[in-house]
PDB file of N, CA and C in Angstrom:
ATOM      1  N   MET A   1     220.900  88.584 136.695  1.00  0.00           N
ATOM      2  CA  MET A   1     220.176  88.990 135.514  1.00  0.00           C
ATOM      3  C   MET A   1     220.453  90.467 135.257  1.00  0.00           C
ATOM      4  N   LYS A   2     220.870  90.812 134.064  1.00  0.00           N
ATOM      5  CA  LYS A   2     221.221  92.183 133.721  1.00  0.00           C
ATOM      6  C   LYS A   2     219.994  92.920 133.165  1.00  0.00           C
ATOM      7  N   SER A   3     219.815  94.165 133.620  1.00  0.00           N
ATOM      8  CA  SER A   3     218.699  94.981 133.136  1.00  0.00           C
ATOM      9  C   SER A   3     219.022  95.536 131.761  1.00  0.00           C
ATOM     10  N   ASN A   4     218.032  95.568 130.882  1.00  0.00           N
ATOM     11  CA  ASN A   4     218.206  96.054 129.519  1.00  0.00           C
ATOM     12  C   ASN A   4     217.445  97.338 129.264  1.00  0.00           C
ATOM     13  N   ASN A   5     217.040  98.063 130.309  1.00  0.00           N
ATOM     14  CA  ASN A   5     216.198  99.219 130.125  1.00  0.00           C
ATOM     15  C   ASN A   5     216.966 100.543 130.100  1.00  0.00           C
ATOM     16  N   GLN A   6     218.213 100.519 129.678  1.00  0.00           N
ATOM     17  CA  GLN A   6     219.004 101.738 129.582  1.00  0.00           C
ATOM     18  C   GLN A   6     218.873 102.341 128.192  1.00  0.00           C
ATOM     19  N   ILE A   7     218.860 103.671 128.157  1.00  0.00           N
ATOM     20  CA  ILE A   7     218.783 104.386 126.889  1.00  0.00           C
ATOM     21  C   ILE A   7     220.207 104.655 126.428  1.00  0.00           C
ATOM     22  N   ASN A   8     220.538 104.195 125.234  1.00  0.00           N
ATOM     23  CA  ASN A   8     221.908 104.303 124.744  1.00  0.00           C
ATOM     24  C   ASN A   8     222.146 105.498 123.839  1.00  0.00           C
ATOM     25  N   VAL A   9     221.091 106.142 123.357  1.00  0.00           N
ATOM     26  CA  VAL A   9     221.238 107.289 122.468  1.00  0.00           C
ATOM     27  C   VAL A   9     221.090 108.557 123.300  1.00  0.00           C
ATOM     28  N   PRO A  10     222.135 109.394 123.373  1.00  0.00           N
ATOM     29  CA  PRO A  10     222.079 110.593 124.222  1.00  0.00           C
ATOM     30  C   PRO A  10     220.881 111.493 123.932  1.00  0.00           C
ATOM     31  N   GLU A  11     220.521 111.669 122.672  1.00  0.00           N
ATOM     32  CA  GLU A  11     219.386 112.527 122.332  1.00  0.00           C
ATOM     33  C   GLU A  11     218.087 111.940 122.867  1.00  0.00           C
ATOM     34  N   ALA A  12     217.960 110.625 122.800  1.00  0.00           N
ATOM     35  CA  ALA A  12     216.759 109.969 123.307  1.00  0.00           C
ATOM     36  C   ALA A  12     216.683 110.094 124.826  1.00  0.00           C
ATOM     37  N   LYS A  13     217.814 110.009 125.489  1.00  0.00           N
ATOM     38  CA  LYS A  13     217.831 110.129 126.944  1.00  0.00           C
ATOM     39  C   LYS A  13     217.337 111.503 127.367  1.00  0.00           C
ATOM     40  N   GLN A  14     217.815 112.537 126.714  1.00  0.00           N
ATOM     41  CA  GLN A  14     217.387 113.896 127.036  1.00  0.00           C
ATOM     42  C   GLN A  14     215.898 114.070 126.755  1.00  0.00           C
ATOM     43  N   ALA A  15     215.421 113.545 125.636  1.00  0.00           N
ATOM     44  CA  ALA A  15     214.001 113.654 125.285  1.00  0.00           C
ATOM     45  C   ALA A  15     213.136 112.923 126.316  1.00  0.00           C
ATOM     46  N   MET A  16     213.561 111.759 126.771  1.00  0.00           N
ATOM     47  CA  MET A  16     212.798 111.012 127.767  1.00  0.00           C
ATOM     48  C   MET A  16     212.771 111.731 129.121  1.00  0.00           C
ATOM     49  N   GLU A  17     213.874 112.358 129.486  1.00  0.00           N
ATOM     50  CA  GLU A  17     213.907 113.136 130.726  1.00  0.00           C
ATOM     51  C   GLU A  17     212.918 114.296 130.653  1.00  0.00           C
ATOM     52  N   GLN A  18     212.888 114.985 129.514  1.00  0.00           N
ATOM     53  CA  GLN A  18     211.961 116.096 129.312  1.00  0.00           C
ATOM     54  C   GLN A  18     210.516 115.581 129.353  1.00  0.00           C
ATOM     55  N   PHE A  19     210.262 114.466 128.695  1.00  0.00           N
ATOM     56  CA  PHE A  19     208.935 113.856 128.664  1.00  0.00           C
ATOM     57  C   PHE A  19     208.488 113.501 130.081  1.00  0.00           C
ATOM     58  N   LYS A  20     209.398 112.924 130.866  1.00  0.00           N
ATOM     59  CA  LYS A  20     209.095 112.538 132.242  1.00  0.00           C
ATOM     60  C   LYS A  20     208.768 113.768 133.092  1.00  0.00           C
ATOM     61  N   MET A  21     209.531 114.838 132.922  1.00  0.00           N
ATOM     62  CA  MET A  21     209.301 116.070 133.679  1.00  0.00           C
ATOM     63  C   MET A  21     207.946 116.680 133.324  1.00  0.00           C
ATOM     64  N   GLU A  22     207.597 116.667 132.031  1.00  0.00           N
ATOM     65  CA  GLU A  22     206.304 117.202 131.600  1.00  0.00           C
ATOM     66  C   GLU A  22     205.156 116.375 132.187  1.00  0.00           C
ATOM     67  N   ALA A  23     205.281 115.069 132.145  1.00  0.00           N
ATOM     68  CA  ALA A  23     204.243 114.191 132.687  1.00  0.00           C
ATOM     69  C   ALA A  23     204.096 114.408 134.195  1.00  0.00           C
ATOM     70  N   ALA A  24     205.202 114.539 134.897  1.00  0.00           N
ATOM     71  CA  ALA A  24     205.163 114.767 136.344  1.00  0.00           C
ATOM     72  C   ALA A  24     204.475 116.097 136.654  1.00  0.00           C
ATOM     73  N   ASN A  25     204.795 117.106 135.880  1.00  0.00           N
ATOM     74  CA  ASN A  25     204.180 118.418 136.078  1.00  0.00           C
ATOM     75  C   ASN A  25     202.665 118.343 135.868  1.00  0.00           C
ATOM     76  N   GLU A  26     202.232 117.582 134.859  1.00  0.00           N
ATOM     77  CA  GLU A  26     200.807 117.451 134.548  1.00  0.00           C
ATOM     78  C   GLU A  26     200.020 116.772 135.666  1.00  0.00           C
ATOM     79  N   VAL A  27     200.645 115.861 136.399  1.00  0.00           N
ATOM     80  CA  VAL A  27     199.945 115.165 137.480  1.00  0.00           C
ATOM     81  C   VAL A  27     200.280 115.753 138.856  1.00  0.00           C
ATOM     82  N   GLY A  28     201.040 116.842 138.875  1.00  0.00           N
ATOM     83  CA  GLY A  28     201.320 117.538 140.130  1.00  0.00           C
ATOM     84  C   GLY A  28     202.386 116.916 141.003  1.00  0.00           C
ATOM     85  N   VAL A  29     203.336 116.203 140.402  1.00  0.00           N
ATOM     86  CA  VAL A  29     204.436 115.595 141.158  1.00  0.00           C
ATOM     87  C   VAL A  29     205.697 116.415 140.899  1.00  0.00           C
ATOM     88  N   ASN A  30     206.355 116.821 141.973  1.00  0.00           N
ATOM     89  CA  ASN A  30     207.584 117.604 141.841  1.00  0.00           C
ATOM     90  C   ASN A  30     208.784 116.673 141.728  1.00  0.00           C
ATOM     91  N   LEU A  31     209.409 116.680 140.550  1.00  0.00           N
ATOM     92  CA  LEU A  31     210.616 115.883 140.334  1.00  0.00           C
ATOM     93  C   LEU A  31     211.827 116.787 140.351  1.00  0.00           C
ATOM     94  N   SER A  32     212.937 116.249 140.805  1.00  0.00           N
ATOM     95  CA  SER A  32     214.205 116.960 140.709  1.00  0.00           C
ATOM     96  C   SER A  32     215.055 116.245 139.670  1.00  0.00           C
ATOM     97  N   ASN A  33     216.072 116.914 139.166  1.00  0.00           N
ATOM     98  CA  ASN A  33     216.990 116.272 138.227  1.00  0.00           C
ATOM     99  C   ASN A  33     217.774 115.209 138.978  1.00  0.00           C
ATOM    100  N   GLY A  34     217.935 114.070 138.341  1.00  0.00           N
ATOM    101  CA  GLY A  34     218.681 112.980 138.967  1.00  0.00           C
ATOM    102  C   GLY A  34     217.769 112.033 139.712  1.00  0.00           C
ATOM    103  N   TYR A  35     218.269 111.506 140.821  1.00  0.00           N
ATOM    104  CA  TYR A  35     217.576 110.483 141.593  1.00  0.00           C
ATOM    105  C   TYR A  35     216.398 111.069 142.356  1.00  0.00           C
ATOM    106  N   ASN A  36     215.259 110.411 142.304  1.00  0.00           N
ATOM    107  CA  ASN A  36     214.055 110.853 143.007  1.00  0.00           C
ATOM    108  C   ASN A  36     213.546 109.754 143.929  1.00  0.00           C
ATOM    109  N   GLY A  37     214.423 109.226 144.745  1.00  0.00           N
ATOM    110  CA  GLY A  37     214.095 108.104 145.619  1.00  0.00           C
ATOM    111  C   GLY A  37     213.099 108.419 146.706  1.00  0.00           C
ATOM    112  N   GLU A  38     212.829 109.693 146.945  1.00  0.00           N
ATOM    113  CA  GLU A  38     211.894 110.070 147.997  1.00  0.00           C
ATOM    114  C   GLU A  38     210.432 110.019 147.531  1.00  0.00           C
ATOM    115  N   LEU A  39     210.210 109.748 146.243  1.00  0.00           N
ATOM    116  CA  LEU A  39     208.845 109.662 145.733  1.00  0.00           C
ATOM    117  C   LEU A  39     208.123 108.459 146.321  1.00  0.00           C
ATOM    118  N   THR A  40     206.833 108.636 146.560  1.00  0.00           N
ATOM    119  CA  THR A  40     206.029 107.492 146.992  1.00  0.00           C
ATOM    120  C   THR A  40     205.733 106.631 145.772  1.00  0.00           C
ATOM    121  N   SER A  41     205.299 105.421 146.018  1.00  0.00           N
ATOM    122  CA  SER A  41     204.915 104.534 144.915  1.00  0.00           C
ATOM    123  C   SER A  41     203.758 105.131 144.128  1.00  0.00           C
ATOM    124  N   ARG A  42     202.849 105.766 144.818  1.00  0.00           N
ATOM    125  CA  ARG A  42     201.701 106.392 144.161  1.00  0.00           C
ATOM    126  C   ARG A  42     202.169 107.507 143.225  1.00  0.00           C
ATOM    127  N   GLU A  43     203.101 108.348 143.672  1.00  0.00           N
ATOM    128  CA  GLU A  43     203.602 109.443 142.834  1.00  0.00           C
ATOM    129  C   GLU A  43     204.337 108.902 141.613  1.00  0.00           C
ATOM    130  N   ALA A  44     205.219 107.940 141.834  1.00  0.00           N
ATOM    131  CA  ALA A  44     205.972 107.357 140.722  1.00  0.00           C
ATOM    132  C   ALA A  44     205.031 106.682 139.730  1.00  0.00           C
ATOM    133  N   GLY A  45     204.025 105.988 140.232  1.00  0.00           N
ATOM    134  CA  GLY A  45     203.061 105.324 139.370  1.00  0.00           C
ATOM    135  C   GLY A  45     202.225 106.299 138.567  1.00  0.00           C
ATOM    136  N   SER A  46     201.882 107.433 139.176  1.00  0.00           N
ATOM    137  CA  SER A  46     201.078 108.403 138.436  1.00  0.00           C
ATOM    138  C   SER A  46     201.898 109.063 137.333  1.00  0.00           C
ATOM    139  N   VAL A  47     203.193 109.265 137.557  1.00  0.00           N
ATOM    140  CA  VAL A  47     204.052 109.813 136.499  1.00  0.00           C
ATOM    141  C   VAL A  47     204.176 108.803 135.367  1.00  0.00           C
ATOM    142  N   GLY A  48     204.471 107.558 135.696  1.00  0.00           N
ATOM    143  CA  GLY A  48     204.580 106.519 134.670  1.00  0.00           C
ATOM    144  C   GLY A  48     203.279 106.312 133.926  1.00  0.00           C
ATOM    145  N   GLY A  49     202.178 106.338 134.645  1.00  0.00           N
ATOM    146  CA  GLY A  49     200.873 106.180 134.016  1.00  0.00           C
ATOM    147  C   GLY A  49     200.560 107.304 133.049  1.00  0.00           C
ATOM    148  N   GLN A  50     200.924 108.526 133.434  1.00  0.00           N
ATOM    149  CA  GLN A  50     200.701 109.675 132.554  1.00  0.00           C
ATOM    150  C   GLN A  50     201.559 109.560 131.296  1.00  0.00           C
ATOM    151  N   MET A  51     202.781 109.078 131.446  1.00  0.00           N
ATOM    152  CA  MET A  51     203.656 108.896 130.287  1.00  0.00           C
ATOM    153  C   MET A  51     203.056 107.877 129.324  1.00  0.00           C
ATOM    154  N   VAL A  52     202.567 106.764 129.856  1.00  0.00           N
ATOM    155  CA  VAL A  52     201.961 105.730 129.013  1.00  0.00           C
ATOM    156  C   VAL A  52     200.719 106.279 128.324  1.00  0.00           C
ATOM    157  N   LYS A  53     199.900 107.008 129.063  1.00  0.00           N
ATOM    158  CA  LYS A  53     198.688 107.593 128.487  1.00  0.00           C
ATOM    159  C   LYS A  53     199.023 108.496 127.304  1.00  0.00           C
ATOM    160  N   LYS A  54     200.039 109.336 127.475  1.00  0.00           N
ATOM    161  CA  LYS A  54     200.434 110.248 126.399  1.00  0.00           C
ATOM    162  C   LYS A  54     201.019 109.496 125.205  1.00  0.00           C
ATOM    163  N   MET A  55     201.759 108.420 125.459  1.00  0.00           N
ATOM    164  CA  MET A  55     202.314 107.632 124.355  1.00  0.00           C
ATOM    165  C   MET A  55     201.210 106.939 123.564  1.00  0.00           C
ATOM    166  N   ILE A  56     200.211 106.420 124.258  1.00  0.00           N
ATOM    167  CA  ILE A  56     199.089 105.769 123.582  1.00  0.00           C
ATOM    168  C   ILE A  56     198.319 106.792 122.745  1.00  0.00           C
ATOM    169  N   GLU A  57     198.072 107.973 123.314  1.00  0.00           N
ATOM    170  CA  GLU A  57     197.370 109.024 122.570  1.00  0.00           C
ATOM    171  C   GLU A  57     198.133 109.405 121.299  1.00  0.00           C
ATOM    172  N   ALA A  58     199.457 109.533 121.425  1.00  0.00           N
ATOM    173  CA  ALA A  58     200.270 109.903 120.270  1.00  0.00           C
ATOM    174  C   ALA A  58     200.228 108.803 119.205  1.00  0.00           C
ATOM    175  N   TYR A  59     200.268 107.555 119.638  1.00  0.00           N
ATOM    176  CA  TYR A  59     200.200 106.430 118.701  1.00  0.00           C
ATOM    177  C   TYR A  59     198.861 106.399 117.974  1.00  0.00           C
ATOM    178  N   GLU A  60     197.782 106.549 118.737  1.00  0.00           N
ATOM    179  CA  GLU A  60     196.454 106.525 118.134  1.00  0.00           C
ATOM    180  C   GLU A  60     196.252 107.700 117.179  1.00  0.00           C
ATOM    181  N   LYS A  61     196.784 108.834 117.517  1.00  0.00           N
ATOM    182  CA  LYS A  61     196.686 110.007 116.648  1.00  0.00           C
ATOM    183  C   LYS A  61     197.452 109.776 115.344  1.00  0.00           C
ATOM    184  N   GLY A  62     198.562 109.066 115.418  1.00  0.00           N
ATOM    185  CA  GLY A  62     199.368 108.768 114.243  1.00  0.00           C
ATOM    186  C   GLY A  62     198.735 107.730 113.325  1.00  0.00           C
ATOM    187  N   MET A  63     197.802 106.948 113.844  1.00  0.00           N
ATOM    188  CA  MET A  63     197.151 105.901 113.052  1.00  0.00           C
ATOM    189  C   MET A  63     196.063 106.472 112.146  1.00  0.00           C
ATOM    190  N   LYS A  64     195.616 107.669 112.437  1.00  0.00           N
ATOM    191  CA  LYS A  64     194.504 108.256 111.656  1.00  0.00           C
ATOM    192  C   LYS A  64     194.960 108.890 110.391  1.00  0.00           C
TER     193      LYS A  64
END
C-alpha cells in the first residue's frame, strides 16, 4: 500500500515545516531539521495535537 501523505508543492512543504517548528516550540519540544526519530510518542503527539488545534482555531476564525 502506497502512502499518499507527501506534499508535492515546494512552497507548501516549507510552510508546513515552519508551522511544525512553531507548534513544537509552543509545546516545548526541541525539533531539529530533518529526521526526528529520537522523539517520544508523547512529544510527537503533542506537536501534532498543537498543529491540529491551531488549524481548527484558524478555520473557526475564518467562519466568522
